[in-house]
C-alpha atoms as a PDB file:
ATOM      1  CA  UNK A   1      19.260 -23.537  25.886  1.00  0.00           C
ATOM      2  CA  UNK A   2      21.158 -25.427  23.169  1.00  0.00           C
ATOM      3  CA  UNK A   3      21.146 -28.555  25.384  1.00  0.00           C
ATOM      4  CA  UNK A   4      17.383 -28.756  24.916  1.00  0.00           C
ATOM      5  CA  UNK A   5      17.470 -28.691  21.122  1.00  0.00           C
ATOM      6  CA  UNK A   6      17.448 -32.465  20.781  1.00  0.00           C
ATOM      7  CA  UNK A   7      14.214 -32.571  22.806  1.00  0.00           C
ATOM      8  CA  UNK A   8      12.414 -29.987  20.677  1.00  0.00           C
ATOM      9  CA  UNK A   9      10.965 -31.650  17.617  1.00  0.00           C
ATOM     10  CA  UNK A  10      11.209 -29.573  14.428  1.00  0.00           C
ATOM     11  CA  UNK A  11      13.412 -26.832  15.930  1.00  0.00           C
ATOM     12  CA  UNK A  12      17.133 -26.567  15.199  1.00  0.00           C
ATOM     13  CA  UNK A  13      19.650 -23.830  15.867  1.00  0.00           C
ATOM     14  CA  UNK A  14      20.571 -21.564  12.955  1.00  0.00           C
ATOM     15  CA  UNK A  15      21.929 -18.027  12.483  1.00  0.00           C
ATOM     16  CA  UNK A  16      18.361 -16.800  11.799  1.00  0.00           C
ATOM     17  CA  UNK A  17      14.849 -18.249  12.005  1.00  0.00           C
ATOM     18  CA  UNK A  18      14.700 -21.116   9.519  1.00  0.00           C
ATOM     19  CA  UNK A  19      11.753 -22.596   7.700  1.00  0.00           C
ATOM     20  CA  UNK A  20      11.347 -25.294  10.366  1.00  0.00           C
ATOM     21  CA  UNK A  21      10.945 -22.679  13.097  1.00  0.00           C
ATOM     22  CA  UNK A  22       8.531 -20.715  10.922  1.00  0.00           C
ATOM     23  CA  UNK A  23       6.457 -23.847  10.328  1.00  0.00           C
ATOM     24  CA  UNK A  24       6.362 -24.597  14.076  1.00  0.00           C
ATOM     25  CA  UNK A  25       5.318 -21.019  14.832  1.00  0.00           C
ATOM     26  CA  UNK A  26       2.563 -21.196  12.215  1.00  0.00           C
ATOM     27  CA  UNK A  27       1.277 -24.394  13.846  1.00  0.00           C
ATOM     28  CA  UNK A  28       1.196 -22.600  17.198  1.00  0.00           C
ATOM     29  CA  UNK A  29      -0.549 -19.620  15.618  1.00  0.00           C
ATOM     30  CA  UNK A  30      -3.308 -21.897  14.332  1.00  0.00           C
ATOM     31  CA  UNK A  31      -3.953 -23.002  17.920  1.00  0.00           C
ATOM     32  CA  UNK A  32      -3.664 -19.569  19.555  1.00  0.00           C
ATOM     33  CA  UNK A  33      -6.854 -17.811  20.616  1.00  0.00           C
ATOM     34  CA  UNK A  34      -7.091 -14.199  19.482  1.00  0.00           C
ATOM     35  CA  UNK A  35      -9.675 -12.299  21.573  1.00  0.00           C
ATOM     36  CA  UNK A  36     -10.786  -9.918  18.838  1.00  0.00           C
ATOM     37  CA  UNK A  37     -10.040 -11.979  15.753  1.00  0.00           C
ATOM     38  CA  UNK A  38      -7.084  -9.765  14.880  1.00  0.00           C
ATOM     39  CA  UNK A  39      -3.934  -8.444  16.509  1.00  0.00           C
ATOM     40  CA  UNK A  40      -4.693  -5.864  19.175  1.00  0.00           C
ATOM     41  CA  UNK A  41      -3.268  -2.387  19.701  1.00  0.00           C
ATOM     42  CA  UNK A  42       0.527  -2.545  19.664  1.00  0.00           C
ATOM     43  CA  UNK A  43       0.720  -5.503  17.285  1.00  0.00           C
ATOM     44  CA  UNK A  44       2.582  -3.482  14.647  1.00  0.00           C
ATOM     45  CA  UNK A  45       5.217  -2.672  17.248  1.00  0.00           C
ATOM     46  CA  UNK A  46       5.453  -6.351  18.166  1.00  0.00           C
ATOM     47  CA  UNK A  47       5.940  -7.151  14.505  1.00  0.00           C
ATOM     48  CA  UNK A  48       8.798  -4.679  14.114  1.00  0.00           C
ATOM     49  CA  UNK A  49      10.426  -5.907  17.327  1.00  0.00           C
ATOM     50  CA  UNK A  50      10.144  -9.540  16.237  1.00  0.00           C
ATOM     51  CA  UNK A  51      11.647  -8.560  12.886  1.00  0.00           C
ATOM     52  CA  UNK A  52      14.505  -6.742  14.597  1.00  0.00           C
ATOM     53  CA  UNK A  53      15.169  -9.528  17.097  1.00  0.00           C
ATOM     54  CA  UNK A  54      15.161 -12.334  14.580  1.00  0.00           C
ATOM     55  CA  UNK A  55      16.849 -10.454  11.748  1.00  0.00           C
ATOM     56  CA  UNK A  56      14.185 -11.576   9.305  1.00  0.00           C
ATOM     57  CA  UNK A  57      12.642  -9.809   6.282  1.00  0.00           C
ATOM     58  CA  UNK A  58       9.175  -8.285   6.671  1.00  0.00           C
ATOM     59  CA  UNK A  59       7.581 -10.762   4.292  1.00  0.00           C
ATOM     60  CA  UNK A  60       8.829 -13.841   6.149  1.00  0.00           C
ATOM     61  CA  UNK A  61       5.813 -15.870   7.372  1.00  0.00           C
ATOM     62  CA  UNK A  62       7.235 -16.281  10.875  1.00  0.00           C
ATOM     63  CA  UNK A  63       7.192 -12.501  11.413  1.00  0.00           C
ATOM     64  CA  UNK A  64       3.446 -12.360  10.826  1.00  0.00           C
ATOM     65  CA  UNK A  65       3.008 -15.515  12.913  1.00  0.00           C
ATOM     66  CA  UNK A  66       4.814 -13.921  15.846  1.00  0.00           C
ATOM     67  CA  UNK A  67       2.747 -10.758  16.022  1.00  0.00           C
ATOM     68  CA  UNK A  68      -0.540 -12.541  15.313  1.00  0.00           C
ATOM     69  CA  UNK A  69       0.180 -14.905  18.214  1.00  0.00           C
ATOM     70  CA  UNK A  70       1.200 -12.114  20.584  1.00  0.00           C
ATOM     71  CA  UNK A  71      -2.243 -10.691  21.365  1.00  0.00           C
ATOM     72  CA  UNK A  72      -4.591 -13.388  22.534  1.00  0.00           C
ATOM     73  CA  UNK A  73      -7.291 -13.015  25.183  1.00  0.00           C
ATOM     74  CA  UNK A  74      -5.081 -13.625  28.225  1.00  0.00           C
ATOM     75  CA  UNK A  75      -1.824 -12.376  26.728  1.00  0.00           C
ATOM     76  CA  UNK A  76      -0.748 -16.030  26.594  1.00  0.00           C
ATOM     77  CA  UNK A  77      -0.584 -18.899  24.148  1.00  0.00           C
ATOM     78  CA  UNK A  78      -2.987 -21.847  24.219  1.00  0.00           C
ATOM     79  CA  UNK A  79      -0.850 -24.483  22.436  1.00  0.00           C
ATOM     80  CA  UNK A  80      -1.333 -28.217  22.011  1.00  0.00           C
ATOM     81  CA  UNK A  81       0.691 -30.930  23.830  1.00  0.00           C
ATOM     82  CA  UNK A  82       3.665 -30.879  21.449  1.00  0.00           C
ATOM     83  CA  UNK A  83       3.836 -27.095  21.523  1.00  0.00           C
ATOM     84  CA  UNK A  84       3.571 -27.064  25.328  1.00  0.00           C
ATOM     85  CA  UNK A  85       6.641 -29.305  25.573  1.00  0.00           C
ATOM     86  CA  UNK A  86       8.636 -27.312  23.039  1.00  0.00           C
ATOM     87  CA  UNK A  87       7.723 -23.876  24.380  1.00  0.00           C
ATOM     88  CA  UNK A  88       8.139 -24.837  28.038  1.00  0.00           C
ATOM     89  CA  UNK A  89      11.698 -25.893  27.230  1.00  0.00           C
ATOM     90  CA  UNK A  90      12.288 -22.701  25.285  1.00  0.00           C
ATOM     91  CA  UNK A  91      10.881 -20.267  27.811  1.00  0.00           C
ATOM     92  CA  UNK A  92      11.765 -22.199  30.944  1.00  0.00           C
ATOM     93  CA  UNK A  93       8.280 -21.509  32.365  1.00  0.00           C
ATOM     94  CA  UNK A  94       5.651 -24.005  33.558  1.00  0.00           C
ATOM     95  CA  UNK A  95       3.542 -25.642  30.822  1.00  0.00           C
ATOM     96  CA  UNK A  96       0.599 -23.531  29.695  1.00  0.00           C
ATOM     97  CA  UNK A  97       0.445 -19.800  30.219  1.00  0.00           C
ATOM     98  CA  UNK A  98       3.764 -18.984  28.550  1.00  0.00           C
ATOM     99  CA  UNK A  99       4.063 -15.198  28.072  1.00  0.00           C
ATOM    100  CA  UNK A 100       4.466 -14.369  24.358  1.00  0.00           C
ATOM    101  CA  UNK A 101       7.377 -11.986  24.907  1.00  0.00           C
ATOM    102  CA  UNK A 102       9.349 -14.810  26.566  1.00  0.00           C
ATOM    103  CA  UNK A 103       8.791 -17.026  23.556  1.00  0.00           C
ATOM    104  CA  UNK A 104       9.811 -14.255  21.133  1.00  0.00           C
ATOM    105  CA  UNK A 105      13.001 -13.518  23.050  1.00  0.00           C
ATOM    106  CA  UNK A 106      13.950 -17.156  23.625  1.00  0.00           C
ATOM    107  CA  UNK A 107      13.298 -18.171  20.022  1.00  0.00           C
ATOM    108  CA  UNK A 108      15.403 -15.231  18.850  1.00  0.00           C
ATOM    109  CA  UNK A 109      18.253 -16.296  21.145  1.00  0.00           C
ATOM    110  CA  UNK A 110      17.865 -19.900  20.016  1.00  0.00           C
ATOM    111  CA  UNK A 111      18.178 -18.769  16.402  1.00  0.00           C
ATOM    112  CA  UNK A 112      21.339 -16.835  17.188  1.00  0.00           C
ATOM    113  CA  UNK A 113      19.681 -13.414  17.108  1.00  0.00           C
ATOM    114  CA  UNK A 114      20.681 -10.528  19.336  1.00  0.00           C
ATOM    115  CA  UNK A 115      17.806  -9.165  21.424  1.00  0.00           C
ATOM    116  CA  UNK A 116      18.685  -5.683  22.646  1.00  0.00           C
ATOM    117  CA  UNK A 117      17.338  -4.008  25.785  1.00  0.00           C
ATOM    118  CA  UNK A 118      15.466  -1.649  23.477  1.00  0.00           C
ATOM    119  CA  UNK A 119      13.706  -4.622  21.888  1.00  0.00           C
ATOM    120  CA  UNK A 120      12.786  -6.027  25.294  1.00  0.00           C
ATOM    121  CA  UNK A 121      11.464  -2.631  26.412  1.00  0.00           C
ATOM    122  CA  UNK A 122       9.461  -2.291  23.207  1.00  0.00           C
ATOM    123  CA  UNK A 123       7.889  -5.701  23.766  1.00  0.00           C
ATOM    124  CA  UNK A 124       6.945  -4.753  27.308  1.00  0.00           C
ATOM    125  CA  UNK A 125       5.508  -1.431  26.119  1.00  0.00           C
ATOM    126  CA  UNK A 126       3.507  -3.200  23.422  1.00  0.00           C
ATOM    127  CA  UNK A 127       2.011  -5.530  26.024  1.00  0.00           C
ATOM    128  CA  UNK A 128       1.201  -2.529  28.224  1.00  0.00           C
ATOM    129  CA  UNK A 129      -0.510  -0.814  25.288  1.00  0.00           C
ATOM    130  CA  UNK A 130      -2.545  -3.951  24.599  1.00  0.00           C
ATOM    131  CA  UNK A 131      -3.554  -4.099  28.271  1.00  0.00           C
ATOM    132  CA  UNK A 132      -4.595  -0.436  28.235  1.00  0.00           C
ATOM    133  CA  UNK A 133      -6.595  -1.058  25.079  1.00  0.00           C
ATOM    134  CA  UNK A 134      -8.420  -3.916  26.794  1.00  0.00           C
ATOM    135  CA  UNK A 135      -9.139  -1.663  29.824  1.00  0.00           C
ATOM    136  CA  UNK A 136     -10.530   1.031  27.527  1.00  0.00           C
ATOM    137  CA  UNK A 137     -12.719  -1.510  25.726  1.00  0.00           C
ATOM    138  CA  UNK A 138     -14.053  -2.706  29.092  1.00  0.00           C
ATOM    139  CA  UNK A 139     -14.750   0.897  30.128  1.00  0.00           C
ATOM    140  CA  UNK A 140     -16.644   1.667  26.929  1.00  0.00           C
ATOM    141  CA  UNK A 141     -18.595  -1.561  27.283  1.00  0.00           C
ATOM    142  CA  UNK A 142     -19.617  -0.509  30.806  1.00  0.00           C
ATOM    143  CA  UNK A 143     -20.678   2.946  29.567  1.00  0.00           C
ATOM    144  CA  UNK A 144     -22.831   1.356  26.877  1.00  0.00           C
ATOM    145  CA  UNK A 145     -24.439  -0.899  29.471  1.00  0.00           C
ATOM    146  CA  UNK A 146     -25.127   2.040  31.807  1.00  0.00           C
ATOM    147  CA  UNK A 147     -26.731   4.136  29.099  1.00  0.00           C
ATOM    148  CA  UNK A 148     -28.873   1.309  27.744  1.00  0.00           C
ATOM    149  CA  UNK A 149     -31.945   2.164  29.922  1.00  0.00           C
ATOM    150  CA  UNK A 150     -31.821   5.787  28.751  1.00  0.00           C
ATOM    151  CA  UNK A 151     -31.550   4.667  25.124  1.00  0.00           C
ATOM    152  CA  UNK A 152     -34.511   2.345  25.648  1.00  0.00           C
ATOM    153  CA  UNK A 153     -36.522   5.234  27.128  1.00  0.00           C
ATOM    154  CA  UNK A 154     -35.621   7.488  24.213  1.00  0.00           C
ATOM    155  CA  UNK A 155     -36.647   4.765  21.799  1.00  0.00           C
ATOM    156  CA  UNK A 156     -40.019   4.594  23.588  1.00  0.00           C
ATOM    157  CA  UNK A 157     -40.501   8.356  23.329  1.00  0.00           C
ATOM    158  CA  UNK A 158     -39.537   8.226  19.672  1.00  0.00           C
ATOM    159  CA  UNK A 159     -42.110   5.488  19.065  1.00  0.00           C
ATOM    160  CA  UNK A 160     -44.801   7.517  20.857  1.00  0.00           C
ATOM    161  CA  UNK A 161     -43.992  10.591  18.762  1.00  0.00           C
ATOM    162  CA  UNK A 162     -44.183   8.526  15.586  1.00  0.00           C
ATOM    163  CA  UNK A 163     -47.597   7.184  16.642  1.00  0.00           C
ATOM    164  CA  UNK A 164     -48.822  10.715  17.455  1.00  0.00           C
ATOM    165  CA  UNK A 165     -47.648  11.983  14.083  1.00  0.00           C
ATOM    166  CA  UNK A 166     -49.529   9.139  12.392  1.00  0.00           C
ATOM    167  CA  UNK A 167     -52.688  10.026  14.326  1.00  0.00           C
ATOM    168  CA  UNK A 168     -52.375  13.692  13.339  1.00  0.00           C
ATOM    169  CA  UNK A 169     -51.988  12.693   9.710  1.00  0.00           C
ATOM    170  CA  UNK A 170     -55.152  10.590   9.961  1.00  0.00           C
ATOM    171  CA  UNK A 171     -57.107  13.481  11.563  1.00  0.00           C
ATOM    172  CA  UNK A 172     -55.865  15.867   8.860  1.00  0.00           C
ATOM    173  CA  UNK A 173     -57.045  13.490   6.153  1.00  0.00           C
ATOM    174  CA  UNK A 174     -60.486  13.224   7.797  1.00  0.00           C
ATOM    175  CA  UNK A 175     -60.767  17.016   8.035  1.00  0.00           C
ATOM    176  CA  UNK A 176     -59.866  17.347   4.375  1.00  0.00           C
ATOM    177  CA  UNK A 177     -62.572  14.790   3.508  1.00  0.00           C
ATOM    178  CA  UNK A 178     -65.224  16.651   5.576  1.00  0.00           C
ATOM    179  CA  UNK A 179     -64.198  19.982   4.084  1.00  0.00           C
ATOM    180  CA  UNK A 180     -64.545  18.595   0.585  1.00  0.00           C
ATOM    181  CA  UNK A 181     -68.036  17.241   1.448  1.00  0.00           C
ATOM    182  CA  UNK A 182     -69.235  20.577   2.801  1.00  0.00           C
ATOM    183  CA  UNK A 183     -67.897  22.371  -0.247  1.00  0.00           C
ATOM    184  CA  UNK A 184     -69.927  20.075  -2.494  1.00  0.00           C
ATOM    185  CA  UNK A 185     -73.172  20.605  -0.505  1.00  0.00           C
ATOM    186  CA  UNK A 186     -73.071  24.365  -0.036  1.00  0.00           C
ATOM    187  CA  UNK A 187     -74.448  26.195  -3.091  1.00  0.00           C
ATOM    188  CA  UNK A 188     -73.151  29.633  -3.928  1.00  0.00           C
ATOM    189  CA  UNK A 189     -75.725  32.495  -3.441  1.00  0.00           C
ATOM    190  CA  UNK A 190     -77.757  33.416  -6.523  1.00  0.00           C
ATOM    191  CA  UNK A 191     -76.682  36.584  -8.246  1.00  0.00           C
ATOM    192  CA  UNK A 192     -79.215  39.485  -8.229  1.00  0.00           C
ATOM    193  CA  UNK A 193     -80.194  40.814 -11.677  1.00  0.00           C
ATOM    194  CA  UNK A 194     -78.631  44.132 -12.491  1.00  0.00           C
ATOM    195  CA  UNK A 195     -81.192  46.876 -13.153  1.00  0.00           C
ATOM    196  CA  UNK A 196     -80.717  48.831 -16.332  1.00  0.00           C
ATOM    197  CA  UNK A 197     -79.981  52.467 -15.872  1.00  0.00           C
ATOM    198  CA  UNK A 198     -82.906  54.873 -16.626  1.00  0.00           C
END
């Protein structure tokens, strides 16, 4: 891996992630496509694993860059030409479609970090959780689509009931108007004079 360092612009070996690596990661993050606009389920675990693997403080910008890049639509990066060259050398995979966990592990090794089996397992579990979250979202989307006709029918019934209620209100107002007219026309019966007692 160290033989490739001279070919990777802006990346140099160091005991921990340096500012140059953080800047390169931030450039990649700007190009990455995040399906939901934010890190998906499991991103907090990815963050803690990246922190553990790289030996970096929580507030280091590269930590946030790592976990924000690790949950795009296809579970892969979409970098530009320079990033493709750099990351393909790092991960040893074909250009484009580089799995994020490979990049995290390889960058940590490049920086002199020690990636434990526990960290690798946690990364895999985080990816599994993100995949399950996507499956659940797809399932809920399908349920919403299936129930749409029923919701439309209920909306129609609700509209009919609202129209009926409006008609009843109009009829009630007309009846009140007629009742008031009759009350004005009908005269009360004349009172009979009371005869005086003999």
